[in-house]
Amino acid sequence: MFLWFMLMLLALLATAVLAILFERKNESKITKSVLCDIFFLGLLGAVLGRTIFFAGLEYTSLTFASATANVVSIHYLYLGS
């Protein structure tokens, strides 16, 4: 658990440094509606991923459940566009 936390912290710091370096001159601001969209898509993705996995596990094999859990990324692309 501690290793996972440290990896997430490292990823956060690396992303923040790159965002500061490359987006410094960007004049567009993040609005409240964009933040709400990001929050709800993240929440939906976490809940949807677990729900699809357990539904697939309940009705079929573990292999099919794992394959259907990977479909969540397709839902992200669909909802994001």
PDB file of N, CA and C in Angstrom:
ATOM      1  N   MET A   1       0.828  -1.189   0.000  1.00  0.00           N
ATOM      2  CA  MET A   1       0.000   0.000   0.000  1.00  0.00           C
ATOM      3  C   MET A   1       0.876   1.258   0.000  1.00  0.00           C
ATOM      4  N   PHE A   2       1.941   1.224   0.802  1.00  0.00           N
ATOM      5  CA  PHE A   2       2.831   2.378   0.870  1.00  0.00           C
ATOM      6  C   PHE A   2       3.536   2.599  -0.459  1.00  0.00           C
ATOM      7  N   LEU A   3       3.936   1.506  -1.115  1.00  0.00           N
ATOM      8  CA  LEU A   3       4.604   1.625  -2.412  1.00  0.00           C
ATOM      9  C   LEU A   3       3.658   2.236  -3.452  1.00  0.00           C
ATOM     10  N   TRP A   4       2.385   1.819  -3.429  1.00  0.00           N
ATOM     11  CA  TRP A   4       1.391   2.380  -4.348  1.00  0.00           C
ATOM     12  C   TRP A   4       1.237   3.878  -4.112  1.00  0.00           C
ATOM     13  N   PHE A   5       1.183   4.278  -2.846  1.00  0.00           N
ATOM     14  CA  PHE A   5       1.053   5.690  -2.510  1.00  0.00           C
ATOM     15  C   PHE A   5       2.261   6.476  -3.012  1.00  0.00           C
ATOM     16  N   MET A   6       3.441   5.938  -2.844  1.00  0.00           N
ATOM     17  CA  MET A   6       4.644   6.635  -3.290  1.00  0.00           C
ATOM     18  C   MET A   6       4.681   6.749  -4.821  1.00  0.00           C
ATOM     19  N   LEU A   7       4.233   5.722  -5.512  1.00  0.00           N
ATOM     20  CA  LEU A   7       4.196   5.796  -6.973  1.00  0.00           C
ATOM     21  C   LEU A   7       3.193   6.845  -7.448  1.00  0.00           C
ATOM     22  N   MET A   8       2.045   6.923  -6.796  1.00  0.00           N
ATOM     23  CA  MET A   8       1.051   7.932  -7.165  1.00  0.00           C
ATOM     24  C   MET A   8       1.565   9.344  -6.867  1.00  0.00           C
ATOM     25  N   LEU A   9       2.270   9.498  -5.770  1.00  0.00           N
ATOM     26  CA  LEU A   9       2.852  10.792  -5.424  1.00  0.00           C
ATOM     27  C   LEU A   9       3.927  11.196  -6.433  1.00  0.00           C
ATOM     28  N   LEU A  10       4.744  10.260  -6.851  1.00  0.00           N
ATOM     29  CA  LEU A  10       5.763  10.531  -7.867  1.00  0.00           C
ATOM     30  C   LEU A  10       5.114  10.921  -9.194  1.00  0.00           C
ATOM     31  N   ALA A  11       4.051  10.215  -9.568  1.00  0.00           N
ATOM     32  CA  ALA A  11       3.347  10.546 -10.816  1.00  0.00           C
ATOM     33  C   ALA A  11       2.719  11.934 -10.727  1.00  0.00           C
ATOM     34  N   LEU A  12       2.164  12.287  -9.577  1.00  0.00           N
ATOM     35  CA  LEU A  12       1.582  13.611  -9.380  1.00  0.00           C
ATOM     36  C   LEU A  12       2.633  14.700  -9.523  1.00  0.00           C
ATOM     37  N   LEU A  13       3.778  14.507  -8.910  1.00  0.00           N
ATOM     38  CA  LEU A  13       4.837  15.511  -8.987  1.00  0.00           C
ATOM     39  C   LEU A  13       5.374  15.653 -10.416  1.00  0.00           C
ATOM     40  N   ALA A  14       5.561  14.537 -11.097  1.00  0.00           N
ATOM     41  CA  ALA A  14       6.064  14.600 -12.478  1.00  0.00           C
ATOM     42  C   ALA A  14       5.064  15.301 -13.384  1.00  0.00           C
ATOM     43  N   THR A  15       3.795  14.998 -13.223  1.00  0.00           N
ATOM     44  CA  THR A  15       2.772  15.634 -14.041  1.00  0.00           C
ATOM     45  C   THR A  15       2.659  17.115 -13.732  1.00  0.00           C
ATOM     46  N   ALA A  16       2.751  17.469 -12.459  1.00  0.00           N
ATOM     47  CA  ALA A  16       2.655  18.881 -12.082  1.00  0.00           C
ATOM     48  C   ALA A  16       3.819  19.685 -12.649  1.00  0.00           C
ATOM     49  N   VAL A  17       5.022  19.139 -12.598  1.00  0.00           N
ATOM     50  CA  VAL A  17       6.183  19.846 -13.143  1.00  0.00           C
ATOM     51  C   VAL A  17       6.036  20.038 -14.648  1.00  0.00           C
ATOM     52  N   LEU A  18       5.608  19.006 -15.351  1.00  0.00           N
ATOM     53  CA  LEU A  18       5.423  19.131 -16.798  1.00  0.00           C
ATOM     54  C   LEU A  18       4.309  20.119 -17.136  1.00  0.00           C
ATOM     55  N   ALA A  19       3.249  20.116 -16.353  1.00  0.00           N
ATOM     56  CA  ALA A  19       2.155  21.059 -16.608  1.00  0.00           C
ATOM     57  C   ALA A  19       2.608  22.496 -16.385  1.00  0.00           C
ATOM     58  N   ILE A  20       3.391  22.708 -15.352  1.00  0.00           N
ATOM     59  CA  ILE A  20       3.886  24.063 -15.081  1.00  0.00           C
ATOM     60  C   ILE A  20       4.824  24.523 -16.198  1.00  0.00           C
ATOM     61  N   LEU A  21       5.679  23.633 -16.665  1.00  0.00           N
ATOM     62  CA  LEU A  21       6.637  24.016 -17.706  1.00  0.00           C
ATOM     63  C   LEU A  21       5.964  24.290 -19.049  1.00  0.00           C
ATOM     64  N   PHE A  22       5.056  23.432 -19.451  1.00  0.00           N
ATOM     65  CA  PHE A  22       4.498  23.533 -20.794  1.00  0.00           C
ATOM     66  C   PHE A  22       3.236  24.374 -20.883  1.00  0.00           C
ATOM     67  N   GLU A  23       2.524  24.559 -19.810  1.00  0.00           N
ATOM     68  CA  GLU A  23       1.258  25.290 -19.852  1.00  0.00           C
ATOM     69  C   GLU A  23       1.351  26.665 -19.182  1.00  0.00           C
ATOM     70  N   ARG A  24       2.535  27.152 -18.986  1.00  0.00           N
ATOM     71  CA  ARG A  24       2.724  28.428 -18.305  1.00  0.00           C
ATOM     72  C   ARG A  24       2.127  29.598 -19.088  1.00  0.00           C
ATOM     73  N   LYS A  25       2.231  29.544 -20.407  1.00  0.00           N
ATOM     74  CA  LYS A  25       1.763  30.661 -21.226  1.00  0.00           C
ATOM     75  C   LYS A  25       0.319  30.489 -21.687  1.00  0.00           C
ATOM     76  N   ASN A  26      -0.320  29.412 -21.293  1.00  0.00           N
ATOM     77  CA  ASN A  26      -1.702  29.163 -21.681  1.00  0.00           C
ATOM     78  C   ASN A  26      -2.625  30.095 -20.900  1.00  0.00           C
ATOM     79  N   GLU A  27      -3.455  30.842 -21.601  1.00  0.00           N
ATOM     80  CA  GLU A  27      -4.303  31.830 -20.944  1.00  0.00           C
ATOM     81  C   GLU A  27      -5.686  31.307 -20.577  1.00  0.00           C
ATOM     82  N   SER A  28      -6.053  30.118 -21.038  1.00  0.00           N
ATOM     83  CA  SER A  28      -7.377  29.595 -20.707  1.00  0.00           C
ATOM     84  C   SER A  28      -7.372  29.078 -19.267  1.00  0.00           C
ATOM     85  N   LYS A  29      -8.450  29.345 -18.582  1.00  0.00           N
ATOM     86  CA  LYS A  29      -8.578  28.954 -17.183  1.00  0.00           C
ATOM     87  C   LYS A  29      -9.552  27.792 -17.056  1.00  0.00           C
ATOM     88  N   ILE A  30      -9.385  27.018 -16.008  1.00  0.00           N
ATOM     89  CA  ILE A  30     -10.303  25.923 -15.740  1.00  0.00           C
ATOM     90  C   ILE A  30     -11.518  26.495 -15.033  1.00  0.00           C
ATOM     91  N   THR A  31     -12.674  26.298 -15.632  1.00  0.00           N
ATOM     92  CA  THR A  31     -13.904  26.830 -15.050  1.00  0.00           C
ATOM     93  C   THR A  31     -14.510  25.819 -14.077  1.00  0.00           C
ATOM     94  N   LYS A  32     -15.516  26.263 -13.376  1.00  0.00           N
ATOM     95  CA  LYS A  32     -16.180  25.404 -12.399  1.00  0.00           C
ATOM     96  C   LYS A  32     -16.888  24.235 -13.075  1.00  0.00           C
ATOM     97  N   SER A  33     -17.450  24.476 -14.244  1.00  0.00           N
ATOM     98  CA  SER A  33     -18.142  23.388 -14.942  1.00  0.00           C
ATOM     99  C   SER A  33     -17.165  22.318 -15.431  1.00  0.00           C
ATOM    100  N   VAL A  34     -15.970  22.726 -15.850  1.00  0.00           N
ATOM    101  CA  VAL A  34     -14.960  21.756 -16.275  1.00  0.00           C
ATOM    102  C   VAL A  34     -14.504  20.915 -15.092  1.00  0.00           C
ATOM    103  N   LEU A  35     -14.310  21.540 -13.943  1.00  0.00           N
ATOM    104  CA  LEU A  35     -13.923  20.789 -12.750  1.00  0.00           C
ATOM    105  C   LEU A  35     -15.006  19.807 -12.333  1.00  0.00           C
ATOM    106  N   CYS A  36     -16.260  20.211 -12.443  1.00  0.00           N
ATOM    107  CA  CYS A  36     -17.368  19.302 -12.117  1.00  0.00           C
ATOM    108  C   CYS A  36     -17.397  18.122 -13.079  1.00  0.00           C
ATOM    109  N   ASP A  37     -17.183  18.376 -14.365  1.00  0.00           N
ATOM    110  CA  ASP A  37     -17.150  17.297 -15.346  1.00  0.00           C
ATOM    111  C   ASP A  37     -16.023  16.314 -15.055  1.00  0.00           C
ATOM    112  N   ILE A  38     -14.851  16.825 -14.737  1.00  0.00           N
ATOM    113  CA  ILE A  38     -13.709  15.965 -14.423  1.00  0.00           C
ATOM    114  C   ILE A  38     -14.001  15.120 -13.194  1.00  0.00           C
ATOM    115  N   PHE A  39     -14.583  15.737 -12.168  1.00  0.00           N
ATOM    116  CA  PHE A  39     -14.897  15.011 -10.933  1.00  0.00           C
ATOM    117  C   PHE A  39     -15.902  13.893 -11.185  1.00  0.00           C
ATOM    118  N   PHE A  40     -16.990  14.203 -11.879  1.00  0.00           N
ATOM    119  CA  PHE A  40     -18.033  13.200 -12.074  1.00  0.00           C
ATOM    120  C   PHE A  40     -17.602  12.099 -13.043  1.00  0.00           C
ATOM    121  N   LEU A  41     -16.779  12.416 -14.038  1.00  0.00           N
ATOM    122  CA  LEU A  41     -16.261  11.369 -14.911  1.00  0.00           C
ATOM    123  C   LEU A  41     -15.307  10.442 -14.157  1.00  0.00           C
ATOM    124  N   GLY A  42     -14.505  11.005 -13.270  1.00  0.00           N
ATOM    125  CA  GLY A  42     -13.633  10.176 -12.448  1.00  0.00           C
ATOM    126  C   GLY A  42     -14.418   9.287 -11.508  1.00  0.00           C
ATOM    127  N   LEU A  43     -15.442   9.839 -10.902  1.00  0.00           N
ATOM    128  CA  LEU A  43     -16.290   9.063  -9.999  1.00  0.00           C
ATOM    129  C   LEU A  43     -17.040   7.983 -10.763  1.00  0.00           C
ATOM    130  N   LEU A  44     -17.577   8.335 -11.907  1.00  0.00           N
ATOM    131  CA  LEU A  44     -18.302   7.375 -12.722  1.00  0.00           C
ATOM    132  C   LEU A  44     -17.377   6.260 -13.194  1.00  0.00           C
ATOM    133  N   GLY A  45     -16.164   6.595 -13.556  1.00  0.00           N
ATOM    134  CA  GLY A  45     -15.220   5.583 -14.025  1.00  0.00           C
ATOM    135  C   GLY A  45     -14.864   4.588 -12.946  1.00  0.00           C
ATOM    136  N   ALA A  46     -14.673   5.052 -11.722  1.00  0.00           N
ATOM    137  CA  ALA A  46     -14.334   4.148 -10.620  1.00  0.00           C
ATOM    138  C   ALA A  46     -15.505   3.222 -10.303  1.00  0.00           C
ATOM    139  N   VAL A  47     -16.692   3.775 -10.241  1.00  0.00           N
ATOM    140  CA  VAL A  47     -17.868   2.967  -9.919  1.00  0.00           C
ATOM    141  C   VAL A  47     -18.218   2.034 -11.069  1.00  0.00           C
ATOM    142  N   LEU A  48     -18.145   2.551 -12.285  1.00  0.00           N
ATOM    143  CA  LEU A  48     -18.491   1.749 -13.452  1.00  0.00           C
ATOM    144  C   LEU A  48     -17.522   0.586 -13.642  1.00  0.00           C
ATOM    145  N   GLY A  49     -16.260   0.821 -13.372  1.00  0.00           N
ATOM    146  CA  GLY A  49     -15.262  -0.240 -13.521  1.00  0.00           C
ATOM    147  C   GLY A  49     -15.519  -1.404 -12.590  1.00  0.00           C
ATOM    148  N   ARG A  50     -15.786  -1.107 -11.329  1.00  0.00           N
ATOM    149  CA  ARG A  50     -16.077  -2.177 -10.366  1.00  0.00           C
ATOM    150  C   ARG A  50     -17.400  -2.872 -10.681  1.00  0.00           C
ATOM    151  N   THR A  51     -18.383  -2.114 -11.085  1.00  0.00           N
ATOM    152  CA  THR A  51     -19.692  -2.693 -11.378  1.00  0.00           C
ATOM    153  C   THR A  51     -19.611  -3.646 -12.564  1.00  0.00           C
ATOM    154  N   ILE A  52     -18.912  -3.234 -13.612  1.00  0.00           N
ATOM    155  CA  ILE A  52     -18.767  -4.101 -14.789  1.00  0.00           C
ATOM    156  C   ILE A  52     -17.978  -5.350 -14.427  1.00  0.00           C
ATOM    157  N   PHE A  53     -16.943  -5.213 -13.620  1.00  0.00           N
ATOM    158  CA  PHE A  53     -16.139  -6.372 -13.242  1.00  0.00           C
ATOM    159  C   PHE A  53     -16.970  -7.382 -12.455  1.00  0.00           C
ATOM    160  N   PHE A  54     -17.707  -6.918 -11.447  1.00  0.00           N
ATOM    161  CA  PHE A  54     -18.476  -7.847 -10.629  1.00  0.00           C
ATOM    162  C   PHE A  54     -19.670  -8.421 -11.376  1.00  0.00           C
ATOM    163  N   ALA A  55     -20.267  -7.676 -12.285  1.00  0.00           N
ATOM    164  CA  ALA A  55     -21.351  -8.224 -13.112  1.00  0.00           C
ATOM    165  C   ALA A  55     -20.811  -9.314 -14.033  1.00  0.00           C
ATOM    166  N   GLY A  56     -19.655  -9.064 -14.620  1.00  0.00           N
ATOM    167  CA  GLY A  56     -19.048 -10.082 -15.469  1.00  0.00           C
ATOM    168  C   GLY A  56     -18.624 -11.307 -14.679  1.00  0.00           C
ATOM    169  N   LEU A  57     -18.182 -11.105 -13.458  1.00  0.00           N
ATOM    170  CA  LEU A  57     -17.768 -12.217 -12.610  1.00  0.00           C
ATOM    171  C   LEU A  57     -18.956 -13.035 -12.148  1.00  0.00           C
ATOM    172  N   GLU A  58     -20.070 -12.382 -11.929  1.00  0.00           N
ATOM    173  CA  GLU A  58     -21.261 -13.090 -11.453  1.00  0.00           C
ATOM    174  C   GLU A  58     -21.869 -13.971 -12.537  1.00  0.00           C
ATOM    175  N   TYR A  59     -21.890 -13.502 -13.767  1.00  0.00           N
ATOM    176  CA  TYR A  59     -22.587 -14.226 -14.820  1.00  0.00           C
ATOM    177  C   TYR A  59     -21.687 -15.096 -15.688  1.00  0.00           C
ATOM    178  N   THR A  60     -20.393 -14.858 -15.679  1.00  0.00           N
ATOM    179  CA  THR A  60     -19.500 -15.621 -16.561  1.00  0.00           C
ATOM    180  C   THR A  60     -18.227 -15.992 -15.810  1.00  0.00           C
ATOM    181  N   SER A  61     -17.178 -16.254 -16.569  1.00  0.00           N
ATOM    182  CA  SER A  61     -15.911 -16.670 -15.973  1.00  0.00           C
ATOM    183  C   SER A  61     -15.063 -15.462 -15.571  1.00  0.00           C
ATOM    184  N   LEU A  62     -13.987 -15.739 -14.884  1.00  0.00           N
ATOM    185  CA  LEU A  62     -13.068 -14.687 -14.469  1.00  0.00           C
ATOM    186  C   LEU A  62     -12.390 -14.035 -15.668  1.00  0.00           C
ATOM    187  N   THR A  63     -12.099 -14.812 -16.699  1.00  0.00           N
ATOM    188  CA  THR A  63     -11.469 -14.264 -17.899  1.00  0.00           C
ATOM    189  C   THR A  63     -12.363 -13.240 -18.577  1.00  0.00           C
ATOM    190  N   PHE A  64     -13.638 -13.575 -18.715  1.00  0.00           N
ATOM    191  CA  PHE A  64     -14.569 -12.643 -19.344  1.00  0.00           C
ATOM    192  C   PHE A  64     -14.785 -11.410 -18.477  1.00  0.00           C
ATOM    193  N   ALA A  65     -14.795 -11.595 -17.161  1.00  0.00           N
ATOM    194  CA  ALA A  65     -14.952 -10.451 -16.258  1.00  0.00           C
ATOM    195  C   ALA A  65     -13.781  -9.489 -16.399  1.00  0.00           C
ATOM    196  N   SER A  66     -12.573 -10.017 -16.519  1.00  0.00           N
ATOM    197  CA  SER A  66     -11.401  -9.161 -16.695  1.00  0.00           C
ATOM    198  C   SER A  66     -11.436  -8.446 -18.039  1.00  0.00           C
ATOM    199  N   ALA A  67     -11.903  -9.124 -19.061  1.00  0.00           N
ATOM    200  CA  ALA A  67     -11.984  -8.508 -20.386  1.00  0.00           C
ATOM    201  C   ALA A  67     -13.026  -7.396 -20.414  1.00  0.00           C
ATOM    202  N   THR A  68     -14.164  -7.608 -19.755  1.00  0.00           N
ATOM    203  CA  THR A  68     -15.187  -6.565 -19.753  1.00  0.00           C
ATOM    204  C   THR A  68     -14.791  -5.385 -18.880  1.00  0.00           C
ATOM    205  N   ALA A  69     -13.957  -5.603 -17.898  1.00  0.00           N
ATOM    206  CA  ALA A  69     -13.497  -4.488 -17.066  1.00  0.00           C
ATOM    207  C   ALA A  69     -12.627  -3.534 -17.881  1.00  0.00           C
ATOM    208  N   ASN A  70     -11.973  -4.036 -18.915  1.00  0.00           N
ATOM    209  CA  ASN A  70     -11.144  -3.186 -19.764  1.00  0.00           C
ATOM    210  C   ASN A  70     -11.962  -2.320 -20.705  1.00  0.00           C
ATOM    211  N   VAL A  71     -13.246  -2.546 -20.781  1.00  0.00           N
ATOM    212  CA  VAL A  71     -14.123  -1.761 -21.642  1.00  0.00           C
ATOM    213  C   VAL A  71     -14.351  -0.360 -21.069  1.00  0.00           C
ATOM    214  N   VAL A  72     -14.025  -0.159 -19.794  1.00  0.00           N
ATOM    215  CA  VAL A  72     -14.249   1.132 -19.139  1.00  0.00           C
ATOM    216  C   VAL A  72     -13.506   2.251 -19.862  1.00  0.00           C
ATOM    217  N   SER A  73     -12.331   1.978 -20.376  1.00  0.00           N
ATOM    218  CA  SER A  73     -11.584   3.015 -21.092  1.00  0.00           C
ATOM    219  C   SER A  73     -12.322   3.458 -22.355  1.00  0.00           C
ATOM    220  N   ILE A  74     -13.038   2.556 -22.980  1.00  0.00           N
ATOM    221  CA  ILE A  74     -13.829   2.929 -24.153  1.00  0.00           C
ATOM    222  C   ILE A  74     -14.961   3.864 -23.743  1.00  0.00           C
ATOM    223  N   HIS A  75     -15.540   3.621 -22.584  1.00  0.00           N
ATOM    224  CA  HIS A  75     -16.592   4.508 -22.081  1.00  0.00           C
ATOM    225  C   HIS A  75     -16.031   5.904 -21.804  1.00  0.00           C
ATOM    226  N   TYR A  76     -14.808   5.980 -21.300  1.00  0.00           N
ATOM    227  CA  TYR A  76     -14.178   7.274 -21.086  1.00  0.00           C
ATOM    228  C   TYR A  76     -14.034   8.046 -22.397  1.00  0.00           C
ATOM    229  N   LEU A  77     -13.585   7.354 -23.429  1.00  0.00           N
ATOM    230  CA  LEU A  77     -13.419   8.013 -24.719  1.00  0.00           C
ATOM    231  C   LEU A  77     -14.765   8.492 -25.264  1.00  0.00           C
ATOM    232  N   TYR A  78     -15.792   7.675 -25.090  1.00  0.00           N
ATOM    233  CA  TYR A  78     -17.111   8.048 -25.583  1.00  0.00           C
ATOM    234  C   TYR A  78     -17.680   9.233 -24.817  1.00  0.00           C
ATOM    235  N   LEU A  79     -17.570   9.208 -23.483  1.00  0.00           N
ATOM    236  CA  LEU A  79     -18.115  10.297 -22.677  1.00  0.00           C
ATOM    237  C   LEU A  79     -17.284  11.568 -22.795  1.00  0.00           C
ATOM    238  N   GLY A  80     -15.996  11.434 -23.074  1.00  0.00           N
ATOM    239  CA  GLY A  80     -15.146  12.605 -23.168  1.00  0.00           C
ATOM    240  C   GLY A  80     -15.272  13.350 -24.481  1.00  0.00           C
ATOM    241  N   SER A  81     -15.787  12.703 -25.498  1.00  0.00           N
ATOM    242  CA  SER A  81     -15.885  13.378 -26.795  1.00  0.00           C
ATOM    243  C   SER A  81     -17.226  14.014 -27.023  1.00  0.00           C
TER     244      SER A  81
END
